[in-house]
Amino acid sequence: MSMSMNGREFVQNFTYRLERDFVSSAGEPAAWAPGHPKQWGQERAKIRLGGIASTPTLSPDDRLAAVGIDGEICVFEIATQALLEVLTDEKRVEIVQFVPGMIDSCDSKSARYLVASQGGGNENPRVILWELDEQGKLVATSKPQPSFEGELGSFSPDGKTMVFFSQNETTQEERREVAALPCINLWNVETRSFRHQLLGHTDRIMCAAMSSNNKLVASVAWDGTARVWDAWSGSGIPGGQLWTGAFSPDQSFLAFSQGNPRTYIYVYNIATGQLVSCFDRLHMATSSLSWRPDGTMLACGADDGTLCIWDPYTREDRMRWCLAFDDFLMHRFANTRAVQFVDCGRKLVFQIREGTVEVYDFESNLKQQFTRGVENKIDRCPVPEIVCSGDSKFIVVPDMDGSLRIWDL
């Protein structure tokens, strides 16, 4: 048994083997869907890139895919895999996001898509907004592209509000005045103006997201708390101090995870701030949470190759999927990420750190798998994550051979 492990050794030693698999409600073991598992070469289409990509992003109509490669943002057409546009930033592009919903620009009638990018690393992060026309081309304008010093957070589901962070350096090494503490900025995409600047966290903000009705903002920071804000007034909503997580589909509950010193997932009632349930059956930290659209299940991926599906209100363990390793150190590198319910909650998609993607269909009890063959060697684990189309018909997977692969679900 080895006494140490790194990402290179993990991917070299990785062999797909399960300790626990999905089962139907009647206890029937899941089976492979016809034609699965599928390996590289069996994808619907492949886009060759000039380098290792960021996590890709899909346009609201699923026609275009954009991805950051070094200091460029490449825009491709999904149907033909043609390169439509290259947007150039002077800094390495780390994050690219299409804004939800088609747009009508205040300055140009031809603008249909809005893309946000972040570059500049940790020291000088900058967010830039790019307008694209119907053909995926950059819209010509006499004005410079809007840009902000800070880190890109997320967009409201209706695409009308951008969330980004400023002054977001950690405060653990020095004390700062209140006005200089990390700040959450809500920027109105339609009017091109600030809506609110939310202060309250005392250390680096890790994430912030808006509820599906666009009325609430939840934020999580290294100060050990999460806050819930009214997106319209900018005021904080009273309640307990929470940790990290996701809104329930009806915005009534928040699921939060704590990874240190032990792993817990809490579900809180937003209106009362009261704890509804606490799930403590994970051995390592969870990296992603996803509510089923009907609110009946919560899925979470953990850093030890485990995926749990449970009832968020009763703590009942509905299902558990887990990789099997002889070396316990392999477990510590096998995080399960990009967990998401798709197809109105019928399917669950997730990715293993090594790059393999699995899809489980709750109705048919069938599994799909998209992976590399034994002959396809890679020397490190992928950092970018998968993205699923809005209609749940395909996924785009950035692989470590410098390709984007499009797989049908």
Protein backbone atom coordinates (compact mmCIF):
# COMPACT_ATOMS: atom_id res chain seq x y z
CA MET A 1 0.00 0.00 0.00
CA SER A 2 1.38 3.40 -0.96
CA MET A 3 1.89 6.01 1.75
CA SER A 4 1.36 9.03 -0.51
CA MET A 5 -0.71 9.95 -3.54
CA ASN A 6 -1.00 12.79 -6.05
CA GLY A 7 -3.25 13.55 -9.00
CA ARG A 8 -0.88 12.01 -11.55
CA GLU A 9 -0.62 8.76 -9.60
CA PHE A 10 -4.37 8.69 -9.06
CA VAL A 11 -5.21 8.86 -12.76
CA GLN A 12 -2.49 6.34 -13.65
CA ASN A 13 -3.75 3.84 -11.06
CA PHE A 14 -7.47 4.45 -11.55
CA THR A 15 -9.62 1.44 -12.42
CA TYR A 16 -13.39 1.74 -12.53
CA ARG A 17 -14.82 -0.57 -9.88
CA LEU A 18 -17.88 -0.12 -7.68
CA GLU A 19 -18.48 -0.82 -4.02
CA ARG A 20 -22.15 0.20 -4.29
CA ASP A 21 -24.30 0.90 -7.34
CA PHE A 22 -27.71 2.38 -8.09
CA VAL A 23 -30.82 0.28 -7.47
CA SER A 24 -34.50 0.73 -8.25
CA SER A 25 -37.10 1.38 -5.55
CA ALA A 26 -37.80 -2.37 -5.64
CA GLY A 27 -34.14 -3.18 -5.01
CA GLU A 28 -33.32 -4.18 -8.59
CA PRO A 29 -29.66 -3.41 -9.49
CA ALA A 30 -29.22 -0.82 -12.24
CA ALA A 31 -28.18 -2.08 -15.68
CA TRP A 32 -26.27 -0.44 -18.52
CA ALA A 33 -28.34 1.30 -21.17
CA PRO A 34 -27.98 -0.24 -24.67
CA GLY A 35 -24.57 0.58 -26.15
CA HIS A 36 -23.01 1.58 -22.84
CA PRO A 37 -20.42 2.18 -21.50
CA LYS A 38 -19.24 4.40 -24.37
CA GLN A 39 -15.61 5.32 -24.94
CA TRP A 40 -13.71 8.08 -26.74
CA GLY A 41 -14.38 7.72 -30.45
CA GLN A 42 -18.07 6.92 -29.95
CA GLU A 43 -19.13 10.51 -29.17
CA ARG A 44 -21.62 12.34 -31.38
CA ALA A 45 -19.01 14.98 -32.20
CA LYS A 46 -15.60 16.21 -31.09
CA ILE A 47 -14.08 19.69 -31.17
CA ARG A 48 -10.30 19.85 -31.17
CA LEU A 49 -8.89 22.71 -29.11
CA GLY A 50 -5.49 24.35 -29.09
CA GLY A 51 -5.00 23.74 -25.38
CA ILE A 52 -6.67 22.72 -22.14
CA ALA A 53 -10.04 24.42 -21.80
CA SER A 54 -11.94 26.07 -18.99
CA THR A 55 -15.35 24.66 -18.08
CA PRO A 56 -17.43 25.22 -21.24
CA THR A 57 -20.68 27.17 -21.31
CA LEU A 58 -23.71 26.77 -23.57
CA SER A 59 -25.83 29.55 -25.02
CA PRO A 60 -29.45 29.78 -23.77
CA ASP A 61 -30.71 28.11 -26.98
CA ASP A 62 -27.97 25.41 -26.86
CA ARG A 63 -26.71 26.48 -30.30
CA LEU A 64 -23.30 27.75 -29.23
CA ALA A 65 -20.54 26.64 -26.89
CA ALA A 66 -17.88 28.99 -25.54
CA VAL A 67 -14.68 28.00 -23.77
CA GLY A 68 -11.59 29.79 -22.48
CA ILE A 69 -8.17 28.70 -23.76
CA ASP A 70 -5.26 30.74 -22.40
CA GLY A 71 -6.05 34.39 -23.27
CA GLU A 72 -8.83 33.61 -25.75
CA ILE A 73 -12.51 32.74 -25.67
CA CYS A 74 -13.46 30.44 -28.54
CA VAL A 75 -17.10 30.31 -29.66
CA PHE A 76 -18.23 27.18 -31.53
CA GLU A 77 -21.44 26.09 -33.21
CA ILE A 78 -22.67 22.84 -31.66
CA ALA A 79 -24.31 21.48 -34.84
CA THR A 80 -21.25 21.87 -37.09
CA GLN A 81 -18.46 22.25 -34.50
CA ALA A 82 -17.32 25.28 -36.55
CA LEU A 83 -15.26 27.99 -34.85
CA LEU A 84 -17.38 31.14 -35.15
CA GLU A 85 -15.45 33.72 -33.15
CA VAL A 86 -12.33 34.24 -31.05
CA LEU A 87 -12.54 36.88 -28.31
CA THR A 88 -9.17 38.04 -27.06
CA ASP A 89 -8.35 39.02 -23.50
CA GLU A 90 -4.88 40.15 -22.46
CA LYS A 91 -5.08 37.82 -19.45
CA ARG A 92 -5.59 34.09 -19.11
CA VAL A 93 -9.31 33.27 -19.19
CA GLU A 94 -10.40 31.12 -16.26
CA ILE A 95 -14.20 31.33 -16.33
CA VAL A 96 -16.68 31.80 -19.19
CA GLN A 97 -20.47 32.01 -18.80
CA PHE A 98 -23.30 32.70 -21.22
CA VAL A 99 -25.94 34.91 -19.64
CA PRO A 100 -29.28 33.04 -19.37
CA GLY A 101 -31.85 34.24 -21.89
CA MET A 102 -31.51 36.00 -25.23
CA ILE A 103 -30.84 39.72 -24.98
CA ASP A 104 -31.83 42.99 -26.58
CA SER A 105 -28.88 45.35 -26.31
CA CYS A 106 -29.36 49.00 -25.43
CA ASP A 107 -26.66 49.92 -27.96
CA SER A 108 -27.18 47.44 -30.79
CA LYS A 109 -30.21 45.69 -32.28
CA SER A 110 -28.00 42.86 -33.53
CA ALA A 111 -26.85 41.62 -30.12
CA ARG A 112 -28.50 38.33 -29.13
CA TYR A 113 -26.11 36.72 -26.66
CA LEU A 114 -24.11 38.05 -23.73
CA VAL A 115 -20.98 36.25 -22.52
CA ALA A 116 -19.10 37.01 -19.30
CA SER A 117 -15.49 36.03 -18.75
CA GLN A 118 -13.04 36.23 -15.87
CA GLY A 119 -9.27 36.44 -16.20
CA GLY A 120 -6.27 37.79 -14.37
CA GLY A 121 -5.75 35.10 -11.74
CA ASN A 122 -6.15 35.62 -8.01
CA GLU A 123 -4.17 38.87 -7.78
CA ASN A 124 -5.92 41.01 -10.41
CA PRO A 125 -9.19 39.34 -11.43
CA ARG A 126 -11.31 41.13 -14.00
CA VAL A 127 -14.76 40.42 -15.43
CA ILE A 128 -15.52 41.37 -19.06
CA LEU A 129 -18.89 41.29 -20.87
CA TRP A 130 -19.03 40.47 -24.59
CA GLU A 131 -22.06 40.91 -26.88
CA LEU A 132 -22.49 38.38 -29.71
CA ASP A 133 -24.88 38.51 -32.65
CA GLU A 134 -27.12 35.73 -33.99
CA GLN A 135 -24.16 34.14 -35.78
CA GLY A 136 -21.99 34.11 -32.66
CA LYS A 137 -19.84 37.02 -33.85
CA LEU A 138 -18.70 39.88 -31.63
CA VAL A 139 -20.98 42.88 -32.09
CA ALA A 140 -19.06 45.89 -33.36
CA THR A 141 -19.31 48.89 -31.05
CA SER A 142 -17.49 52.16 -30.56
CA LYS A 143 -17.52 51.65 -26.80
CA PRO A 144 -15.11 49.39 -24.89
CA GLN A 145 -16.43 46.11 -23.54
CA PRO A 146 -17.89 46.61 -20.03
CA SER A 147 -15.41 45.34 -17.43
CA PHE A 148 -15.18 45.17 -13.65
CA GLU A 149 -12.40 44.54 -11.19
CA GLY A 150 -13.46 41.43 -9.34
CA GLU A 151 -14.51 37.80 -9.61
CA LEU A 152 -17.45 36.44 -11.55
CA GLY A 153 -20.08 34.77 -9.38
CA SER A 154 -23.25 33.84 -11.25
CA PHE A 155 -26.32 35.18 -13.03
CA SER A 156 -29.94 35.23 -11.96
CA PRO A 157 -32.00 32.57 -13.78
CA ASP A 158 -33.77 35.29 -15.79
CA GLY A 159 -30.41 36.71 -16.90
CA LYS A 160 -31.20 40.21 -15.66
CA THR A 161 -28.72 40.35 -12.76
CA MET A 162 -25.01 39.55 -12.66
CA VAL A 163 -23.40 38.68 -9.33
CA PHE A 164 -19.70 39.41 -8.90
CA PHE A 165 -17.31 39.88 -5.98
CA SER A 166 -14.95 42.77 -5.31
CA GLN A 167 -12.31 43.33 -2.60
CA ASN A 168 -12.40 39.57 -2.25
CA GLU A 169 -8.97 38.88 -0.82
CA THR A 170 -8.88 36.91 2.41
CA THR A 171 -8.75 38.91 5.63
CA GLN A 172 -6.93 36.20 7.57
CA GLU A 173 -3.56 37.94 7.18
CA GLU A 174 -4.67 41.51 7.89
CA ARG A 175 -7.56 43.44 9.38
CA ARG A 176 -9.53 45.74 7.10
CA GLU A 177 -12.04 48.54 7.54
CA VAL A 178 -15.68 47.58 7.00
CA ALA A 179 -15.86 49.45 3.69
CA ALA A 180 -12.86 47.45 2.41
CA LEU A 181 -14.26 44.01 3.28
CA PRO A 182 -15.32 41.52 0.59
CA CYS A 183 -18.39 42.76 -1.27
CA ILE A 184 -21.15 41.12 -3.32
CA ASN A 185 -22.19 43.27 -6.28
CA LEU A 186 -25.55 42.93 -8.03
CA TRP A 187 -25.34 44.48 -11.50
CA ASN A 188 -28.40 45.10 -13.68
CA VAL A 189 -27.71 43.58 -17.11
CA GLU A 190 -30.55 45.47 -18.82
CA THR A 191 -29.77 48.99 -17.57
CA ARG A 192 -25.99 48.43 -17.27
CA SER A 193 -25.99 49.78 -13.72
CA PHE A 194 -25.37 48.60 -10.16
CA ARG A 195 -28.43 47.42 -8.29
CA HIS A 196 -26.88 46.75 -4.87
CA GLN A 197 -23.53 46.27 -3.15
CA LEU A 198 -23.91 43.81 -0.28
CA LEU A 199 -21.50 44.05 2.64
CA GLY A 200 -21.53 41.79 5.69
CA HIS A 201 -19.06 38.96 5.17
CA THR A 202 -15.74 39.38 6.98
CA ASP A 203 -13.61 37.00 4.89
CA ARG A 204 -13.30 35.78 1.30
CA ILE A 205 -16.62 35.02 -0.43
CA MET A 206 -16.57 31.60 -2.06
CA CYS A 207 -19.86 31.62 -3.95
CA ALA A 208 -23.20 33.37 -4.32
CA ALA A 209 -26.29 32.36 -6.24
CA MET A 210 -29.80 33.63 -6.85
CA SER A 211 -32.97 31.65 -6.29
CA SER A 212 -35.01 30.37 -9.24
CA ASN A 213 -37.59 33.15 -8.74
CA ASN A 214 -34.78 35.76 -8.90
CA LYS A 215 -35.79 37.26 -5.53
CA LEU A 216 -33.13 35.91 -3.13
CA VAL A 217 -29.34 35.80 -3.05
CA ALA A 218 -27.46 33.26 -0.93
CA SER A 219 -23.75 33.81 -0.27
CA VAL A 220 -21.06 31.70 1.40
CA ALA A 221 -17.71 32.86 2.77
CA TRP A 222 -14.59 31.75 4.61
CA ASP A 223 -15.89 33.53 7.71
CA GLY A 224 -17.86 30.33 8.33
CA THR A 225 -21.27 31.82 7.55
CA ALA A 226 -23.77 32.07 4.76
CA ARG A 227 -26.16 34.96 4.30
CA VAL A 228 -29.48 35.31 2.53
CA TRP A 229 -30.34 38.66 0.94
CA ASP A 230 -33.40 40.19 -0.67
CA ALA A 231 -32.26 40.85 -4.26
CA TRP A 232 -34.67 43.76 -4.70
CA SER A 233 -34.02 45.72 -1.51
CA GLY A 234 -30.47 44.53 -0.80
CA SER A 235 -31.35 43.85 2.83
CA GLY A 236 -30.32 40.73 4.71
CA ILE A 237 -33.01 38.23 5.62
CA PRO A 238 -32.90 37.35 9.33
CA GLY A 239 -32.20 33.77 10.36
CA GLY A 240 -29.43 31.54 11.60
CA GLN A 241 -25.84 31.64 10.40
CA LEU A 242 -25.55 28.93 7.80
CA TRP A 243 -22.74 27.28 5.81
CA THR A 244 -22.85 26.55 2.06
CA GLY A 245 -25.25 25.05 -0.44
CA ALA A 246 -28.27 25.46 -2.69
CA PHE A 247 -31.87 26.69 -2.73
CA SER A 248 -34.74 24.21 -2.81
CA PRO A 249 -36.84 24.53 -5.99
CA ASP A 250 -39.60 26.44 -4.15
CA GLN A 251 -37.08 28.76 -2.39
CA SER A 252 -38.37 27.66 1.03
CA PHE A 253 -35.24 25.81 2.13
CA LEU A 254 -31.48 26.00 1.85
CA ALA A 255 -29.18 22.97 1.89
CA PHE A 256 -25.74 23.75 3.30
CA SER A 257 -22.62 21.68 3.74
CA GLN A 258 -19.82 21.88 6.28
CA GLY A 259 -16.60 20.01 5.57
CA ASN A 260 -14.40 20.68 8.57
CA PRO A 261 -13.79 19.13 11.04
CA ARG A 262 -16.57 16.70 10.07
CA THR A 263 -18.84 16.62 7.05
CA TYR A 264 -22.46 17.62 7.59
CA ILE A 265 -25.22 18.75 5.26
CA TYR A 266 -27.85 20.95 6.89
CA VAL A 267 -31.27 21.90 5.54
CA TYR A 268 -32.66 25.15 6.92
CA ASN A 269 -36.06 26.80 6.65
CA ILE A 270 -35.38 30.24 5.12
CA ALA A 271 -38.40 31.94 6.67
CA THR A 272 -37.66 30.83 10.24
CA GLY A 273 -33.91 30.16 10.13
CA GLN A 274 -34.63 26.84 11.85
CA LEU A 275 -32.75 23.62 11.17
CA VAL A 276 -34.95 21.07 9.38
CA SER A 277 -32.51 18.17 9.07
CA CYS A 278 -28.84 17.28 9.30
CA PHE A 279 -27.21 14.57 7.18
CA ASP A 280 -23.95 13.21 8.63
CA ARG A 281 -23.28 10.02 6.66
CA LEU A 282 -20.44 11.32 4.49
CA HIS A 283 -16.84 10.59 5.42
CA MET A 284 -15.31 13.47 3.44
CA ALA A 285 -16.32 16.94 2.27
CA THR A 286 -18.97 17.34 -0.40
CA SER A 287 -18.11 19.39 -3.46
CA SER A 288 -21.55 19.74 -5.06
CA LEU A 289 -25.23 19.66 -4.14
CA SER A 290 -28.30 19.39 -6.33
CA TRP A 291 -32.01 19.44 -5.50
CA ARG A 292 -34.41 17.38 -7.57
CA PRO A 293 -36.84 19.81 -9.26
CA ASP A 294 -39.80 18.46 -7.26
CA GLY A 295 -37.87 19.00 -4.00
CA THR A 296 -38.13 15.35 -2.90
CA MET A 297 -34.45 14.44 -3.17
CA LEU A 298 -31.07 16.01 -2.55
CA ALA A 299 -27.97 14.59 -4.25
CA CYS A 300 -24.43 15.30 -3.14
CA GLY A 301 -21.03 14.20 -4.36
CA ALA A 302 -18.22 13.68 -1.85
CA ASP A 303 -14.44 13.82 -2.05
CA ASP A 304 -14.04 10.07 -1.51
CA GLY A 305 -15.77 8.78 -4.66
CA THR A 306 -19.22 8.63 -3.05
CA LEU A 307 -22.57 9.92 -4.31
CA CYS A 308 -25.51 10.11 -1.88
CA ILE A 309 -29.18 10.67 -2.65
CA TRP A 310 -31.40 11.34 0.35
CA ASP A 311 -34.64 12.85 1.57
CA PRO A 312 -33.81 16.43 2.64
CA TYR A 313 -36.54 16.54 5.28
CA THR A 314 -36.42 13.10 6.93
CA ARG A 315 -32.69 12.28 6.42
CA GLU A 316 -33.71 8.96 4.82
CA ASP A 317 -30.87 7.56 2.70
CA ARG A 318 -32.55 6.90 -0.68
CA MET A 319 -29.55 5.62 -2.61
CA ARG A 320 -25.77 5.52 -2.45
CA TRP A 321 -23.18 5.01 -5.22
CA CYS A 322 -19.53 4.47 -4.34
CA LEU A 323 -16.27 3.62 -6.10
CA ALA A 324 -14.17 0.74 -4.77
CA PHE A 325 -10.41 0.97 -4.18
CA ASP A 326 -7.91 -1.30 -2.47
CA ASP A 327 -5.75 1.71 -1.55
CA PHE A 328 -7.57 4.05 0.85
CA LEU A 329 -5.50 6.98 -0.49
CA MET A 330 -7.21 6.55 -3.87
CA HIS A 331 -10.50 7.32 -2.12
CA ARG A 332 -9.12 10.67 -0.97
CA PHE A 333 -8.56 11.76 -4.59
CA ALA A 334 -11.77 10.34 -6.07
CA ASN A 335 -14.10 13.30 -5.61
CA THR A 336 -17.50 13.07 -7.29
CA ARG A 337 -18.44 16.44 -8.78
CA ALA A 338 -20.75 18.31 -11.18
CA VAL A 339 -23.73 16.50 -9.62
CA GLN A 340 -26.97 17.69 -11.22
CA PHE A 341 -30.53 16.49 -11.75
CA VAL A 342 -31.58 16.89 -15.41
CA ASP A 343 -34.55 16.05 -17.61
CA CYS A 344 -37.07 17.36 -15.03
CA GLY A 345 -35.45 15.20 -12.35
CA ARG A 346 -35.68 11.93 -14.27
CA LYS A 347 -31.89 11.62 -14.57
CA LEU A 348 -28.86 12.38 -12.43
CA VAL A 349 -25.56 13.36 -14.06
CA PHE A 350 -22.18 13.41 -12.32
CA GLN A 351 -18.46 13.19 -13.03
CA ILE A 352 -15.62 11.29 -11.37
CA ARG A 353 -12.40 13.25 -10.84
CA GLU A 354 -10.61 11.00 -13.34
CA GLY A 355 -12.99 12.35 -16.01
CA THR A 356 -15.58 9.59 -16.43
CA VAL A 357 -19.18 10.83 -16.64
CA GLU A 358 -22.18 8.76 -15.53
CA VAL A 359 -25.92 9.29 -15.95
CA TYR A 360 -28.56 7.40 -13.97
CA ASP A 361 -32.19 7.21 -15.13
CA PHE A 362 -34.54 6.82 -12.14
CA GLU A 363 -37.48 5.67 -14.29
CA SER A 364 -35.77 3.00 -16.39
CA ASN A 365 -33.10 2.06 -13.80
CA LEU A 366 -30.51 2.27 -16.60
CA LYS A 367 -27.06 3.85 -16.56
CA GLN A 368 -25.04 5.62 -19.22
CA GLN A 369 -21.29 6.06 -19.03
CA PHE A 370 -18.92 8.20 -21.11
CA THR A 371 -15.24 7.48 -20.54
CA ARG A 372 -11.84 7.03 -22.15
CA GLY A 373 -10.57 3.62 -23.22
CA VAL A 374 -7.66 1.83 -21.57
CA GLU A 375 -5.47 2.84 -24.49
CA ASN A 376 -6.26 6.56 -24.00
CA LYS A 377 -3.63 7.61 -21.47
CA ILE A 378 -3.74 10.94 -19.64
CA ASP A 379 -1.22 12.24 -17.12
CA ARG A 380 -3.50 14.33 -14.90
CA CYS A 381 -7.11 14.75 -13.89
CA PRO A 382 -9.32 17.27 -15.68
CA VAL A 383 -10.07 20.50 -13.82
CA PRO A 384 -12.93 21.86 -15.97
CA GLU A 385 -16.35 20.30 -15.48
CA ILE A 386 -19.07 19.06 -17.79
CA VAL A 387 -22.05 21.11 -18.91
CA CYS A 388 -25.52 19.79 -19.81
CA SER A 389 -27.81 21.30 -22.43
CA GLY A 390 -30.94 23.08 -21.26
CA ASP A 391 -33.16 20.46 -22.91
CA SER A 392 -31.14 17.63 -21.27
CA LYS A 393 -30.43 16.03 -24.66
CA PHE A 394 -26.63 16.23 -24.64
CA ILE A 395 -23.58 17.02 -22.53
CA VAL A 396 -20.30 18.71 -23.43
CA VAL A 397 -17.24 17.21 -21.76
CA PRO A 398 -13.80 18.92 -21.74
CA ASP A 399 -11.24 16.11 -21.83
CA MET A 400 -7.53 16.06 -21.10
CA ASP A 401 -6.54 15.26 -24.68
CA GLY A 402 -7.47 18.86 -25.58
CA SER A 403 -10.94 18.07 -26.94
CA LEU A 404 -14.54 18.94 -26.23
CA ARG A 405 -16.72 15.87 -26.70
CA ILE A 406 -20.46 16.05 -27.30
CA TRP A 407 -22.41 13.04 -26.05
CA ASP A 408 -26.13 12.39 -26.50
CA LEU A 409 -28.13 11.50 -23.39
